[in-house]
Protein backbone atom coordinates (compact mmCIF):
# COMPACT_ATOMS: atom_id res chain seq x y z
CA UNK A 1 12.42 -5.24 4.03
CA UNK A 2 11.36 -7.15 0.92
CA UNK A 3 13.60 -7.35 -2.12
CA UNK A 4 11.64 -4.84 -4.07
CA UNK A 5 12.12 -2.26 -1.30
CA UNK A 6 15.71 -2.77 -1.38
CA UNK A 7 15.80 -2.39 -5.20
CA UNK A 8 13.83 0.79 -4.85
CA UNK A 9 16.30 2.19 -2.19
CA UNK A 10 19.14 1.40 -4.52
CA UNK A 11 17.42 3.15 -7.33
CA UNK A 12 16.34 6.34 -5.58
CA UNK A 13 19.54 6.65 -3.55
CA UNK A 14 21.57 6.68 -6.94
CA UNK A 15 19.99 9.87 -8.19
CA UNK A 16 22.09 12.92 -7.79
CA UNK A 17 22.12 14.57 -4.44
CA UNK A 18 19.78 11.94 -2.79
CA UNK A 19 20.57 10.22 0.49
CA UNK A 20 19.01 7.24 2.19
CA UNK A 21 18.78 7.14 5.87
CA UNK A 22 16.68 5.52 8.74
CA UNK A 23 13.28 7.13 8.96
CA UNK A 24 11.85 8.34 12.25
CA UNK A 25 8.82 6.22 11.82
CA UNK A 26 10.80 3.09 10.74
CA UNK A 27 11.94 2.00 7.28
CA UNK A 28 14.09 4.18 5.13
CA UNK A 29 13.68 7.82 4.08
CA UNK A 30 15.11 9.63 1.04
CA UNK A 31 16.27 13.24 1.14
CA UNK A 32 17.49 15.70 -1.41
CA UNK A 33 19.50 17.87 0.89
CA UNK A 34 17.24 18.65 3.78
CA UNK A 35 14.04 18.07 1.80
CA UNK A 36 12.32 14.76 2.12
CA UNK A 37 11.19 13.18 -1.12
CA UNK A 38 9.66 10.17 0.37
CA UNK A 39 10.09 7.17 2.55
CA UNK A 40 9.23 3.63 2.66
CA UNK A 41 8.24 1.10 5.51
CA UNK A 42 9.11 -2.56 5.79
CA UNK A 43 5.49 -3.48 5.18
CA UNK A 44 5.80 -2.37 1.57
CA UNK A 45 4.16 1.16 2.04
CA UNK A 46 5.81 4.03 -0.03
CA UNK A 47 4.77 7.33 1.33
CA UNK A 48 5.51 10.59 -0.64
CA UNK A 49 4.79 14.24 -0.06
CA UNK A 50 3.32 16.25 -2.99
CA UNK A 51 1.55 19.67 -3.25
CA UNK A 52 -2.09 19.21 -2.81
CA UNK A 53 -2.96 19.69 -6.60
CA UNK A 54 -0.47 16.97 -7.64
CA UNK A 55 -1.76 14.56 -4.96
CA UNK A 56 -5.20 15.26 -6.04
CA UNK A 57 -4.35 14.43 -9.58
CA UNK A 58 -2.60 11.20 -8.73
CA UNK A 59 -5.58 10.21 -6.74
CA UNK A 60 -8.07 11.15 -9.50
CA UNK A 61 -5.93 8.92 -11.99
CA UNK A 62 -5.75 6.16 -9.43
CA UNK A 63 -2.04 6.29 -9.36
CA UNK A 64 -1.68 6.46 -5.67
CA UNK A 65 -3.94 6.27 -2.37
CA UNK A 66 -4.50 9.05 0.24
CA UNK A 67 -2.01 8.75 3.04
CA UNK A 68 -3.02 5.89 5.30
CA UNK A 69 -2.56 7.97 8.58
CA UNK A 70 -2.98 11.65 7.31
CA UNK A 71 -5.49 11.29 4.45
CA UNK A 72 -6.23 14.92 4.18
CA UNK A 73 -2.61 16.07 3.79
CA UNK A 74 -0.72 16.19 0.38
CA UNK A 75 1.03 12.86 1.19
CA UNK A 76 0.13 9.65 -0.78
CA UNK A 77 0.75 6.07 0.11
CA UNK A 78 1.55 3.29 -2.51
CA UNK A 79 2.26 -0.30 -1.71
CA UNK A 80 5.02 -2.24 -3.35
CA UNK A 81 4.40 -5.98 -3.67
CA UNK A 82 5.29 -6.74 -7.23
CA UNK A 83 7.79 -5.90 -10.03
CA UNK A 84 5.25 -3.41 -11.59
CA UNK A 85 4.66 -1.87 -8.19
CA UNK A 86 8.36 -1.34 -7.92
CA UNK A 87 8.50 0.66 -11.23
CA UNK A 88 5.45 2.80 -10.20
CA UNK A 89 6.94 3.48 -6.84
CA UNK A 90 10.13 4.66 -8.49
CA UNK A 91 7.98 6.90 -10.88
CA UNK A 92 6.21 8.46 -7.91
CA UNK A 93 9.46 9.13 -6.14
CA UNK A 94 10.92 10.70 -9.31
CA UNK A 95 8.03 13.04 -9.46
CA UNK A 96 8.73 14.26 -5.94
CA UNK A 97 12.47 14.34 -6.69
CA UNK A 98 12.06 16.31 -9.91
CA UNK A 99 10.10 19.28 -8.28
CA UNK A 100 12.95 19.86 -6.00
CA UNK A 101 15.84 19.01 -8.49
CA UNK A 102 14.64 21.52 -10.95
CA UNK A 103 15.74 24.33 -8.54
CA UNK A 104 19.35 23.18 -8.78
CA UNK A 105 20.20 22.38 -12.38
CA UNK A 106 21.72 24.82 -14.75
CA UNK A 107 19.04 24.50 -17.41
CA UNK A 108 15.75 23.69 -15.64
CA UNK A 109 13.57 24.03 -18.57
CA UNK A 110 15.39 21.62 -20.68
CA UNK A 111 15.67 19.20 -17.61
CA UNK A 112 11.99 19.38 -17.14
CA UNK A 113 11.21 18.55 -20.81
CA UNK A 114 13.74 15.56 -20.54
CA UNK A 115 12.13 14.30 -17.41
CA UNK A 116 8.54 14.81 -18.75
CA UNK A 117 9.42 12.55 -21.64
CA UNK A 118 11.23 10.07 -19.50
CA UNK A 119 8.36 9.89 -17.00
CA UNK A 120 5.77 9.96 -19.90
CA UNK A 121 3.84 12.62 -18.06
CA UNK A 122 0.32 13.34 -19.39
CA UNK A 123 -0.64 16.92 -19.95
CA UNK A 124 -2.39 17.38 -16.74
CA UNK A 125 0.57 16.22 -14.74
CA UNK A 126 2.97 18.28 -16.89
CA UNK A 127 1.07 21.38 -16.22
CA UNK A 128 1.12 20.76 -12.50
CA UNK A 129 4.81 20.10 -12.38
CA UNK A 130 5.63 22.98 -14.78
CA UNK A 131 5.02 25.23 -11.81
CA UNK A 132 8.30 23.94 -10.27
CA UNK A 133 10.44 25.20 -13.18
CA UNK A 134 12.26 28.30 -12.05
CA UNK A 135 11.14 31.24 -14.03
CA UNK A 136 8.61 29.14 -15.89
CA UNK A 137 11.19 28.28 -18.54
CA UNK A 138 9.93 25.29 -20.33
CA UNK A 139 10.44 24.43 -23.98
CA UNK A 140 7.25 24.93 -25.96
CA UNK A 141 5.67 21.70 -27.16
C-alpha cells in the first residue's frame, strides 16, 4: 500500500463511527456500521458506491471514473497517486459518508449545511445530497 493510501485510511477511519477492515477483494474497506462507504486497493484504486444520480454528476464533472469492473453500477473508481489525488479521494469518501451519517445526527439539516460548506459543494451536488437529509430539513440558503 502506498503512503497516500495509508494516509487516506488514517483520515477516513478517524471519522465518527467508521471502521477500517480488510476488504473481500483485497485492500481496505471502510464501513459506517454495516454500510460500506468505500474501499481501496493496493494499486491505488479507491472505489466508492453512490446512488446513480450522484455517480452521474461526478462523472459529468470529471470528478471520478466509472467503476473499472462494474461500469454500469453506481460505483466509481478514482486513482490515488499524488497528494492532490489523496485530497480528492478523501472528498469523495466524505460524500459517501455524509449521506449515511446524516441519518444518525441530532440536527441533520445543520450538519448538512456545515458539510456542504466544508466540502464546497456546487449547487447540483448540494441538491442531490439534500435528498439524504431526514425530513428534508435543510437551512435555506
